Protein backbone atom coordinates (compact mmCIF):
# COMPACT_ATOMS: atom_id res chain seq x y z
CA UNK A 1 0.00 0.00 0.00
CA UNK A 2 1.35 3.42 -0.92
CA UNK A 3 2.61 5.69 1.87
CA UNK A 4 1.81 8.84 -0.11
CA UNK A 5 -0.90 11.03 1.37
CA UNK A 6 -3.81 12.55 -0.49
CA UNK A 7 -4.47 16.28 -0.32
CA UNK A 8 -7.32 15.71 2.13
CA UNK A 9 -5.13 13.56 4.38
CA UNK A 10 -2.46 16.28 4.43
CA UNK A 11 -5.08 18.89 5.39
CA UNK A 12 -6.39 16.69 8.21
CA UNK A 13 -2.91 16.27 9.62
CA UNK A 14 -2.47 20.03 9.52
CA UNK A 15 -5.76 20.39 11.42
CA UNK A 16 -4.46 17.86 13.94
CA UNK A 17 -1.33 19.93 14.51
CA UNK A 18 -3.40 23.11 14.92
CA UNK A 19 -5.69 21.44 17.47
CA UNK A 20 -2.66 20.44 19.52
CA UNK A 21 -1.27 23.99 19.24
CA UNK A 22 -4.56 25.31 20.63
CA UNK A 23 -4.25 22.97 23.62
CA UNK A 24 -7.00 20.57 22.47
CA UNK A 25 -6.13 16.91 22.85
CA UNK A 26 -7.41 15.17 19.70
CA UNK A 27 -7.33 11.78 21.47
CA UNK A 28 -8.30 12.44 25.11
CA UNK A 29 -8.22 9.67 27.72
CA UNK A 30 -11.15 10.95 29.82
CA UNK A 31 -14.44 9.11 29.72
CA UNK A 32 -17.45 10.68 28.06
CA UNK A 33 -20.65 9.04 29.23
CA UNK A 34 -23.61 8.96 26.84
CA UNK A 35 -27.02 8.70 28.50
CA UNK A 36 -29.12 8.22 25.37
CA UNK A 37 -28.85 6.93 21.80
CA UNK A 38 -29.99 8.33 18.48
CA UNK A 39 -32.51 5.51 18.13
CA UNK A 40 -33.95 6.17 21.59
CA UNK A 41 -34.46 9.85 20.84
CA UNK A 42 -36.23 9.17 17.54
CA UNK A 43 -38.42 6.48 19.08
CA UNK A 44 -39.45 8.16 22.32
CA UNK A 45 -38.95 11.92 22.26
CA UNK A 46 -42.42 12.86 21.04
CA UNK A 47 -44.04 10.83 23.85
CA UNK A 48 -41.71 11.87 26.67
CA UNK A 49 -40.24 15.27 25.84
CA UNK A 50 -39.42 16.10 29.44
CA UNK A 51 -36.99 13.16 29.57
CA UNK A 52 -34.75 14.75 26.93
CA UNK A 53 -33.91 18.12 28.52
CA UNK A 54 -30.37 17.02 29.39
CA UNK A 55 -28.88 14.49 27.00
CA UNK A 56 -25.36 13.42 26.17
CA UNK A 57 -24.37 11.46 23.07
CA UNK A 58 -21.23 10.24 21.38
CA UNK A 59 -20.79 9.57 17.71
CA UNK A 60 -19.20 10.37 14.39
CA UNK A 61 -19.87 13.52 12.35
CA UNK A 62 -21.40 12.34 9.08
CA UNK A 63 -22.61 15.60 7.47
CA UNK A 64 -22.22 19.32 8.21
CA UNK A 65 -24.08 22.44 7.07
CA UNK A 66 -22.26 25.54 8.34
CA UNK A 67 -24.34 28.71 8.28
CA UNK A 68 -22.39 31.57 9.81
CA UNK A 69 -22.78 31.54 13.58
CA UNK A 70 -24.89 28.37 13.64
CA UNK A 71 -24.60 24.97 12.01
CA UNK A 72 -26.41 21.69 11.57
CA UNK A 73 -24.69 18.33 11.48
CA UNK A 74 -25.59 14.65 11.56
CA UNK A 75 -24.15 12.53 14.35
CA UNK A 76 -23.98 8.75 13.90
CA UNK A 77 -23.74 6.46 16.91
CA UNK A 78 -24.07 2.68 17.13
CA UNK A 79 -27.87 2.91 16.84
CA UNK A 80 -28.26 5.33 13.95
CA UNK A 81 -28.16 9.04 13.11
CA UNK A 82 -29.52 12.15 14.77
CA UNK A 83 -29.40 15.76 13.64
CA UNK A 84 -27.57 18.19 15.92
CA UNK A 85 -27.71 21.98 16.03
CA UNK A 86 -24.68 23.98 17.11
CA UNK A 87 -24.79 27.72 17.80
CA UNK A 88 -21.59 29.65 18.40
CA UNK A 89 -22.70 31.41 21.58
CA UNK A 90 -24.00 28.20 23.17
CA UNK A 91 -20.74 26.25 23.05
CA UNK A 92 -18.27 29.12 23.60
CA UNK A 93 -17.44 30.73 26.92
CA UNK A 94 -17.36 34.55 27.17
CA UNK A 95 -15.51 36.39 24.43
CA UNK A 96 -13.45 33.41 23.29
CA UNK A 97 -15.20 32.14 20.17
CA UNK A 98 -12.32 29.85 19.15
CA UNK A 99 -14.19 26.62 19.83
CA UNK A 100 -16.77 27.42 17.20
CA UNK A 101 -15.08 29.79 14.73
CA UNK A 102 -11.84 27.85 14.52
CA UNK A 103 -12.33 24.37 15.92
CA UNK A 104 -15.79 23.37 14.71
CA UNK A 105 -15.86 25.36 11.49
CA UNK A 106 -12.29 24.80 10.32
CA UNK A 107 -10.54 22.01 12.21
CA UNK A 108 -13.26 19.35 12.58
CA UNK A 109 -14.13 17.13 9.65
CA UNK A 110 -16.67 14.54 8.58
CA UNK A 111 -15.63 11.32 10.28
CA UNK A 112 -14.39 12.92 13.51
CA UNK A 113 -15.80 11.45 16.72
CA UNK A 114 -17.27 13.87 19.23
CA UNK A 115 -19.21 13.92 22.45
CA UNK A 116 -22.06 16.38 22.90
CA UNK A 117 -24.38 17.54 25.67
CA UNK A 118 -27.57 19.48 25.20
CA UNK A 119 -31.34 19.16 24.88
CA UNK A 120 -33.72 17.82 22.25
CA UNK A 121 -36.15 19.97 20.26
CA UNK A 122 -38.06 19.83 16.98
CA UNK A 123 -37.13 22.19 14.16
CA UNK A 124 -39.67 24.16 12.14
CA UNK A 125 -39.37 21.49 9.47
CA UNK A 126 -40.30 18.82 12.00
CA UNK A 127 -36.83 17.29 12.39
CA UNK A 128 -35.99 15.94 15.84
CA UNK A 129 -32.68 17.59 16.73
CA UNK A 130 -30.23 17.92 19.63
CA UNK A 131 -29.38 21.53 20.51
CA UNK A 132 -25.72 21.29 21.55
CA UNK A 133 -24.55 23.20 24.62
CA UNK A 134 -21.23 21.42 25.10
CA UNK A 135 -18.94 19.76 22.53
CA UNK A 136 -15.85 17.62 23.11
CA UNK A 137 -13.52 16.22 20.47
CA UNK A 138 -12.95 12.52 21.23
CA UNK A 139 -11.04 11.36 18.14
CA UNK A 140 -9.66 13.15 15.09
CA UNK A 141 -10.06 11.08 11.89
CA UNK A 142 -7.04 11.37 9.61
CA UNK A 143 -8.63 9.72 6.58
CA UNK A 144 -11.77 11.06 4.87
CA UNK A 145 -14.80 8.83 4.55
CA UNK A 146 -16.07 8.00 1.07
CA UNK A 147 -18.97 10.20 0.08
CA UNK A 148 -22.19 8.22 0.08
CA UNK A 149 -25.22 9.29 -1.93
CA UNK A 150 -28.60 7.56 -2.10
CA UNK A 151 -31.36 8.07 -4.64
CA UNK A 152 -35.06 8.43 -3.87
CA UNK A 153 -35.45 4.63 -3.76
CA UNK A 154 -32.71 4.24 -1.18
CA UNK A 155 -30.16 2.78 -3.63
CA UNK A 156 -26.63 3.72 -2.66
CA UNK A 157 -24.31 5.25 -5.25
CA UNK A 158 -20.80 5.93 -4.01
CA UNK A 159 -17.16 4.96 -4.27
CA UNK A 160 -17.51 2.26 -1.63
CA UNK A 161 -19.81 -0.36 -3.11
CA UNK A 162 -17.03 -2.49 -4.62
CA UNK A 163 -17.27 -5.81 -2.74
CA UNK A 164 -13.51 -6.40 -2.50
CA UNK A 165 -12.91 -2.95 -1.04
CA UNK A 166 -15.83 -3.38 1.36
CA UNK A 167 -14.54 -6.74 2.66
CA UNK A 168 -10.98 -5.46 3.07
CA UNK A 169 -12.08 -2.34 4.89
CA UNK A 170 -15.09 -3.61 6.80
CA UNK A 171 -14.63 -0.80 9.33
CA UNK A 172 -15.40 1.77 6.61
CA UNK A 173 -18.14 -0.41 5.15
CA UNK A 174 -19.95 -0.42 8.50
CA UNK A 175 -19.69 3.36 8.84
CA UNK A 176 -21.00 4.33 5.42
CA UNK A 177 -23.36 1.42 4.70
CA UNK A 178 -25.67 1.12 7.75
CA UNK A 179 -27.37 -2.06 6.48
CA UNK A 180 -24.11 -3.96 6.90
CA UNK A 181 -24.25 -3.64 10.67
CA UNK A 182 -27.80 -4.99 10.70
CA UNK A 183 -26.65 -8.15 8.94
CA UNK A 184 -24.13 -8.85 11.67
CA UNK A 185 -26.56 -8.02 14.46
CA UNK A 186 -28.91 -10.61 12.96
CA UNK A 187 -26.06 -13.11 12.80
CA UNK A 188 -25.46 -12.59 16.52
CA UNK A 189 -29.18 -12.93 17.20
CA UNK A 190 -29.19 -16.17 15.17
CA UNK A 191 -26.49 -17.70 17.36
CA UNK A 192 -28.20 -16.46 20.52
CA UNK A 193 -31.47 -18.07 19.41
CA UNK A 194 -29.75 -21.40 18.76
CA UNK A 195 -27.81 -21.27 22.03
CA UNK A 196 -30.98 -20.54 24.03
CA UNK A 197 -32.80 -23.36 22.24
CA UNK A 198 -30.10 -25.90 23.05
CA UNK A 199 -29.52 -24.76 26.62
CA UNK A 200 -33.26 -24.99 27.29
CA UNK A 201 -32.90 -28.70 26.51
CA UNK A 202 -30.09 -28.95 29.10
CA UNK A 203 -27.36 -29.62 26.54
CA UNK A 204 -23.93 -28.48 27.70
CA UNK A 205 -21.92 -25.93 25.72
CA UNK A 206 -18.26 -26.96 25.64
CA UNK A 207 -14.93 -26.06 24.06
CA UNK A 208 -12.60 -28.45 22.26
CA UNK A 209 -9.06 -27.99 20.85
CA UNK A 210 -8.43 -25.96 17.73
CA UNK A 211 -4.82 -27.13 17.51
CA UNK A 212 -4.91 -30.90 17.05
CA UNK A 213 -2.21 -33.56 16.59
CA UNK A 214 -4.52 -35.31 14.07
CA UNK A 215 -7.25 -33.73 12.01
CA UNK A 216 -10.54 -35.54 11.61
CA UNK A 217 -14.31 -35.40 11.64
CA UNK A 218 -14.70 -34.34 8.00
CA UNK A 219 -13.34 -34.87 4.50
CA UNK A 220 -11.12 -31.84 4.03
CA UNK A 221 -7.53 -30.72 3.60
CA UNK A 222 -6.13 -29.11 6.78
CA UNK A 223 -3.91 -26.16 7.55
CA UNK A 224 -0.70 -27.18 9.29
CA UNK A 225 1.49 -25.43 11.83
CA UNK A 226 4.40 -26.31 14.11
CA UNK A 227 4.74 -26.28 17.90
CA UNK A 228 8.31 -25.26 18.70
CA UNK A 229 8.55 -26.56 22.28
CA UNK A 230 7.17 -30.00 21.46
CA UNK A 231 8.82 -29.96 18.01
CA UNK A 232 5.72 -31.46 16.43
CA UNK A 233 3.37 -30.77 13.56
CA UNK A 234 -0.13 -29.64 14.52
CA UNK A 235 -3.26 -29.05 12.48
CA UNK A 236 -5.98 -26.44 12.69
CA UNK A 237 -9.16 -28.42 13.19
CA UNK A 238 -11.36 -29.14 10.22
CA UNK A 239 -14.18 -30.24 12.57
CA UNK A 240 -14.69 -30.80 16.29
CA UNK A 241 -16.69 -34.02 15.92
CA UNK A 242 -14.21 -36.54 17.28
CA UNK A 243 -13.55 -34.55 20.45
CA UNK A 244 -17.24 -34.01 21.14
CA UNK A 245 -17.86 -37.74 20.78
CA UNK A 246 -15.12 -38.37 23.33
CA UNK A 247 -17.26 -36.33 25.74
CA UNK A 248 -20.20 -38.65 25.14
CA UNK A 249 -17.89 -41.51 26.09
CA UNK A 250 -17.06 -39.56 29.24
CA UNK A 251 -20.69 -39.41 30.30
CA UNK A 252 -22.15 -36.16 28.96
CA UNK A 253 -25.45 -36.93 27.25
CA UNK A 254 -25.77 -33.75 25.19
CA UNK A 255 -22.95 -31.43 24.14
CA UNK A 256 -22.66 -28.61 21.61
CA UNK A 257 -20.01 -26.14 20.49
CA UNK A 258 -19.97 -23.04 18.31
CA UNK A 259 -16.64 -23.68 16.66
CA UNK A 260 -14.22 -21.93 14.35
CA UNK A 261 -13.05 -24.55 11.85
CA UNK A 262 -10.44 -24.28 9.11
CA UNK A 263 -10.28 -26.05 5.75
CA UNK A 264 -7.51 -25.51 3.23
CA UNK A 265 -9.80 -25.36 0.23
CA UNK A 266 -10.85 -22.99 -2.52
CA UNK A 267 -12.79 -19.79 -1.88
CA UNK A 268 -16.13 -18.88 -3.40
CA UNK A 269 -19.28 -17.06 -2.43
CA UNK A 270 -20.17 -20.18 -0.41
CA UNK A 271 -16.71 -21.01 1.00
CA UNK A 272 -14.27 -19.27 3.32
CA UNK A 273 -11.23 -21.19 4.64
CA UNK A 274 -12.13 -20.08 8.18
CA UNK A 275 -15.77 -20.65 9.03
CA UNK A 276 -18.14 -21.20 11.95
CA UNK A 277 -20.30 -24.19 12.62
CA UNK A 278 -22.34 -25.44 15.53
CA UNK A 279 -21.87 -29.13 16.28
CA UNK A 280 -24.30 -31.00 18.55
CA UNK A 281 -24.16 -34.59 19.84
CA UNK A 282 -26.97 -36.15 21.86
CA UNK A 283 -26.80 -39.65 23.32
CA UNK A 284 -29.53 -42.26 22.81
CA UNK A 285 -30.97 -40.47 19.74
CA UNK A 286 -30.80 -41.14 16.00
CA UNK A 287 -30.83 -39.19 12.75
CA UNK A 288 -34.64 -39.22 12.44
CA UNK A 289 -34.91 -37.54 15.82
CA UNK A 290 -32.24 -35.03 14.75
CA UNK A 291 -34.23 -34.08 11.65
CA UNK A 292 -37.14 -33.12 13.87
CA UNK A 293 -34.84 -31.08 16.12
CA UNK A 294 -33.29 -29.22 13.16
CA UNK A 295 -36.72 -28.28 11.82
CA UNK A 296 -37.77 -27.03 15.23
CA UNK A 297 -34.58 -25.07 15.84
CA UNK A 298 -34.36 -23.35 12.45
CA UNK A 299 -38.06 -22.50 12.52
CA UNK A 300 -37.45 -20.86 15.91
CA UNK A 301 -34.47 -18.92 14.54
CA UNK A 302 -36.59 -17.54 11.70
CA UNK A 303 -39.33 -16.50 14.11
CA UNK A 304 -36.87 -14.93 16.57
CA UNK A 305 -35.14 -12.92 13.84
CA UNK A 306 -38.08 -11.99 11.61
CA UNK A 307 -41.34 -12.89 13.33
CA UNK A 308 -42.25 -15.14 10.41
CA UNK A 309 -41.05 -18.36 8.79
CA UNK A 310 -41.50 -16.99 5.24
CA UNK A 311 -38.36 -15.12 4.18
CA UNK A 312 -37.24 -13.45 0.95
CA UNK A 313 -33.95 -14.98 -0.24
CA UNK A 314 -32.74 -13.68 -3.57
CA UNK A 315 -35.57 -14.19 -6.05
CA UNK A 316 -37.28 -16.79 -3.88
CA UNK A 317 -39.60 -16.90 -0.88
CA UNK A 318 -38.32 -19.63 1.44
CA UNK A 319 -40.58 -21.08 4.11
CA UNK A 320 -38.96 -22.64 7.19
CA UNK A 321 -42.24 -23.79 8.70
CA UNK A 322 -42.28 -27.46 9.70
CA UNK A 323 -42.42 -30.11 8.29
CA UNK A 324 -39.74 -29.94 5.58
CA UNK A 325 -39.66 -32.16 2.51
CA UNK A 326 -37.60 -35.39 2.78
CA UNK A 327 -35.96 -37.37 -0.05
CA UNK A 328 -33.26 -40.01 -0.11
CA UNK A 329 -30.10 -39.12 -2.04
CA UNK A 330 -30.80 -41.73 -4.73
CA UNK A 331 -34.42 -40.52 -5.04
CA UNK A 332 -33.17 -36.97 -5.56
CA UNK A 333 -30.64 -38.02 -8.22
CA UNK A 334 -33.28 -40.06 -10.05
CA UNK A 335 -35.77 -37.19 -9.77
CA UNK A 336 -33.41 -34.67 -11.39
CA UNK A 337 -31.60 -36.96 -13.89
CA UNK A 338 -34.11 -39.76 -14.59
CA UNK A 339 -31.30 -42.24 -13.86
CA UNK A 340 -31.24 -44.75 -11.02
CA UNK A 341 -27.62 -45.03 -9.85
CA UNK A 342 -28.36 -46.90 -6.61
CA UNK A 343 -26.89 -50.23 -7.81
CA UNK A 344 -23.94 -48.87 -9.82
CA UNK A 345 -20.30 -49.60 -9.02
CA UNK A 346 -17.43 -47.18 -9.55
CA UNK A 347 -16.78 -47.79 -13.24
CA UNK A 348 -20.45 -47.44 -14.19
CA UNK A 349 -20.76 -44.34 -12.01
CA UNK A 350 -17.84 -42.74 -13.85
CA UNK A 351 -19.45 -43.51 -17.19
CA UNK A 352 -22.78 -42.12 -16.00
CA UNK A 353 -21.10 -38.94 -14.73
CA UNK A 354 -19.48 -38.50 -18.14
CA UNK A 355 -22.87 -38.95 -19.83
CA UNK A 356 -24.32 -36.30 -17.51
CA UNK A 357 -21.38 -33.93 -18.17
CA UNK A 358 -20.28 -33.99 -14.52
CA UNK A 359 -16.48 -33.47 -14.38
CA UNK A 360 -14.60 -35.82 -12.03
CA UNK A 361 -11.16 -35.92 -10.48
CA UNK A 362 -9.69 -39.33 -11.45
CA UNK A 363 -8.36 -39.81 -7.91
CA UNK A 364 -11.74 -39.84 -6.15
CA UNK A 365 -13.67 -43.00 -5.28
CA UNK A 366 -17.26 -44.16 -5.52
CA UNK A 367 -18.64 -42.05 -2.70
CA UNK A 368 -17.30 -38.77 -4.03
CA UNK A 369 -18.48 -39.59 -7.55
CA UNK A 370 -22.03 -39.88 -6.21
CA UNK A 371 -21.53 -36.66 -4.27
CA UNK A 372 -20.35 -34.84 -7.41
CA UNK A 373 -23.40 -36.01 -9.38
CA UNK A 374 -25.73 -34.90 -6.60
CA UNK A 375 -23.93 -31.60 -6.00
CA UNK A 376 -23.87 -30.69 -9.67
CA UNK A 377 -27.32 -31.79 -10.84
CA UNK A 378 -29.55 -31.85 -7.75
CA UNK A 379 -28.42 -29.51 -5.01
CA UNK A 380 -28.79 -26.22 -6.96
CA UNK A 381 -32.49 -27.00 -7.57
CA UNK A 382 -33.37 -27.56 -3.89
CA UNK A 383 -34.58 -24.12 -2.87
CA UNK A 384 -37.09 -24.84 -0.10
CA UNK A 385 -35.62 -26.55 3.00
CA UNK A 386 -35.24 -30.22 2.14
CA UNK A 387 -33.72 -33.16 3.98
CA UNK A 388 -31.64 -35.45 1.76
CA UNK A 389 -31.26 -38.78 3.56
CA UNK A 390 -29.65 -42.22 3.42
CA UNK A 391 -26.22 -41.75 1.85
CA UNK A 392 -23.91 -44.46 0.47
CA UNK A 393 -21.59 -45.85 3.12
CA UNK A 394 -18.54 -44.81 1.07
CA UNK A 395 -19.47 -41.15 1.56
CA UNK A 396 -19.85 -41.25 5.33
CA UNK A 397 -17.05 -42.96 7.29
CA UNK A 398 -18.35 -41.68 10.65
CA UNK A 399 -22.04 -42.59 10.25
CA UNK A 400 -23.81 -45.74 11.41
CA UNK A 401 -24.88 -48.24 8.74
CA UNK A 402 -28.57 -48.03 7.88
CA UNK A 403 -30.68 -50.42 9.92
CA UNK A 404 -32.85 -51.40 6.92
CA UNK A 405 -30.93 -50.50 3.73
CA UNK A 406 -27.67 -52.37 3.04
CA UNK A 407 -24.89 -50.21 1.59
CA UNK A 408 -26.31 -47.00 3.04
CA UNK A 409 -25.81 -45.04 6.26
CA UNK A 410 -28.19 -43.12 8.47
CA UNK A 411 -27.25 -39.61 7.42
CA UNK A 412 -29.02 -36.49 6.25
CA UNK A 413 -28.12 -33.07 4.94
CA UNK A 414 -30.49 -30.12 4.98
CA UNK A 415 -30.36 -28.24 1.67
CA UNK A 416 -31.75 -24.73 1.37
CA UNK A 417 -31.46 -22.16 -1.42
CA UNK A 418 -29.35 -24.64 -3.36
CA UNK A 419 -26.69 -25.26 -0.69
CA UNK A 420 -26.14 -27.53 2.30
CA UNK A 421 -26.73 -25.83 5.65
CA UNK A 422 -26.24 -28.85 7.91
CA UNK A 423 -25.05 -32.45 8.02
CA UNK A 424 -26.07 -35.12 10.56
CA UNK A 425 -25.70 -38.82 11.33
CA UNK A 426 -26.76 -41.60 13.54
CA UNK A 427 -23.22 -41.75 14.89
CA UNK A 428 -21.06 -44.83 14.38
CA UNK A 429 -20.15 -46.26 17.79
CA UNK A 430 -18.83 -49.68 16.74
CA UNK A 431 -15.02 -49.35 17.20
CA UNK A 432 -14.24 -52.26 14.88
CA UNK A 433 -16.40 -50.93 12.07
CA UNK A 434 -14.95 -47.47 12.65
CA UNK A 435 -11.41 -48.82 12.28
CA UNK A 436 -12.34 -50.48 8.99
CA UNK A 437 -13.83 -47.22 7.72
CA UNK A 438 -10.69 -45.29 8.67
CA UNK A 439 -8.55 -47.89 6.89
CA UNK A 440 -10.66 -47.47 3.76
CA UNK A 441 -10.03 -43.73 3.99
CA UNK A 442 -6.29 -44.38 4.19
CA UNK A 443 -6.52 -46.33 0.95
CA UNK A 444 -8.28 -43.40 -0.71
CA UNK A 445 -5.48 -41.19 0.54
CA UNK A 446 -2.94 -43.47 -1.12
CA UNK A 447 -4.85 -43.01 -4.38
CA UNK A 448 -4.29 -39.26 -4.10
CA UNK A 449 -7.46 -38.08 -2.36
CA UNK A 450 -6.03 -35.29 -0.20
CA UNK A 451 -9.34 -34.89 1.64
CA UNK A 452 -9.43 -38.49 2.91
CA UNK A 453 -9.60 -38.91 6.68
CA UNK A 454 -6.71 -39.99 8.90
CA UNK A 455 -6.78 -42.87 11.37
CA UNK A 456 -7.12 -41.58 14.93
CA UNK A 457 -6.02 -44.28 17.38
CA UNK A 458 -7.00 -42.31 20.47
CA UNK A 459 -10.53 -41.81 19.13
CA UNK A 460 -10.76 -45.55 18.44
CA UNK A 461 -9.54 -46.24 21.97
CA UNK A 462 -12.29 -43.98 23.30
CA UNK A 463 -14.91 -45.91 21.30
CA UNK A 464 -13.57 -49.15 22.74
CA UNK A 465 -14.53 -47.89 26.20
CA UNK A 466 -18.08 -47.59 24.87
CA UNK A 467 -19.90 -44.62 23.33
CA UNK A 468 -23.69 -44.64 23.66
CA UNK A 469 -25.74 -44.58 20.46
CA UNK A 470 -26.10 -40.95 19.48
CA UNK A 471 -27.20 -38.44 16.89
CA UNK A 472 -24.74 -35.80 15.72
CA UNK A 473 -25.22 -32.55 13.82
CA UNK A 474 -22.99 -29.96 12.14
CA UNK A 475 -24.81 -26.72 11.30
CA UNK A 476 -23.04 -24.14 9.11
CA UNK A 477 -23.58 -20.80 10.84
CA UNK A 478 -22.26 -18.75 7.92
CA UNK A 479 -24.50 -20.49 5.36
CA UNK A 480 -27.54 -20.22 7.63
CA UNK A 481 -26.77 -16.54 8.23
CA UNK A 482 -26.66 -15.99 4.46
CA UNK A 483 -30.20 -17.31 4.17
CA UNK A 484 -31.53 -15.58 7.27
CA UNK A 485 -30.15 -12.17 6.17
CA UNK A 486 -30.78 -12.56 2.43
CA UNK A 487 -27.07 -12.17 1.70
CA UNK A 488 -25.74 -13.36 -1.67
CA UNK A 489 -22.27 -14.42 -0.49
CA UNK A 490 -20.58 -15.82 2.59
CA UNK A 491 -18.27 -12.79 2.63
CA UNK A 492 -21.29 -10.63 3.46
CA UNK A 493 -21.84 -12.45 6.78
CA UNK A 494 -18.21 -12.78 7.92
CA UNK A 495 -16.75 -9.58 9.38
CA UNK A 496 -13.28 -10.16 7.94
CA UNK A 497 -13.33 -12.79 5.18
CA UNK A 498 -10.09 -14.15 3.79
CA UNK A 499 -8.79 -12.05 0.89
CA UNK A 500 -5.91 -12.18 -1.54
CA UNK A 501 -2.97 -9.91 -0.60
CA UNK A 502 -3.42 -6.29 -1.59
CA UNK A 503 -1.35 -5.14 -4.54
CA UNK A 504 1.19 -2.42 -3.68
């Protein structure tokens, strides 16, 4: 990034020097206590005017209209904007008019953070406004904000709508594009809703290691690091599943974790290498029970965030009201391709994929071929929440074999708006079967599948002590937040998504 300063940045630094020369600290350490917010004033002033005779607010100057000895400005705090009115004789003491004539008119800029005290009134044009009687500079901004303009329909036209610039400088994005903050407040509310739902069922929220000696719990390529003291390679977790299952062995009947996971994979509008998921494991349950719980939980999230289960998502209206549609994976593939692949072996699957124009990596095995066919030809068409169930055993090395359908496992994914939002199993608790599945994964790794699972001897030892039958769930918080906030990309719901290095 260039170290050269723009003309505006040079002028702001000159204003900074002049403030210091006048004895005004541009970055004071003293507290400034606000007793009201912009939102509170707008919502309640007309009903309770006597409560707003002595207010104090903090915020950022967003606009200014200087008119001789009096000025209007807009102050933006965490809740929104409020108009303020500043008159020279109200904020200056005696004959010294420096604070207004020099400081406010010449040395303060849009973007500066101030604290004000005063009282609320309504202008002749009906605008609720704070009449300022005391003004304190709290932070001088040395870079100018981009100028934001909106048309009559509320569409923003400015120099800060470029997505890459917005994601790199989220701090500016949040200042000039108020809707961005609302997305992240809804994301927080989403997680709060889920946490309250699970805690009400007496499930225990836990924490498991991010740095792991072996990665596991998913099919993904890990990030690696090195611990100097132990002189050993460690991995950033790709999932927390195997540690949470260890806790079921230890006697906890229901555990969940909101986890940061890391997968060394490509980036897209649906993928970020660092992401958040909620994993839940409940003893003595199965995947059918978990489907009911997912419906109930996501329906509650929609109601808590929006007061309705019918939400606009892109060009669609998606309804999260229970019950959701259910289809097996093979039923879905046959529905969208008119081909029954349920009895096909690897060679025939490859030929079928070629016929269907589904590109395949030659290193992948049967399970991933089926997954590629489904992901390419079925998943994008599943807009309303749909459970896809009963996956081939080759695709799910941690799931229990289906009780009634040989060659399948008890697994489901919930698909919504064309993408998976969660994955769940009746969890495999047979240590001998689990070892065989891990060994099959090792063979896939030898064929070149760099997402094949490793063999975790300590996890197998834990299973040998006995893990109760259980249902497990992984819910993608970022993907669910995309749907719940009508956001077109995962980068819109992650404060600081991974980006390519900036060019100098």
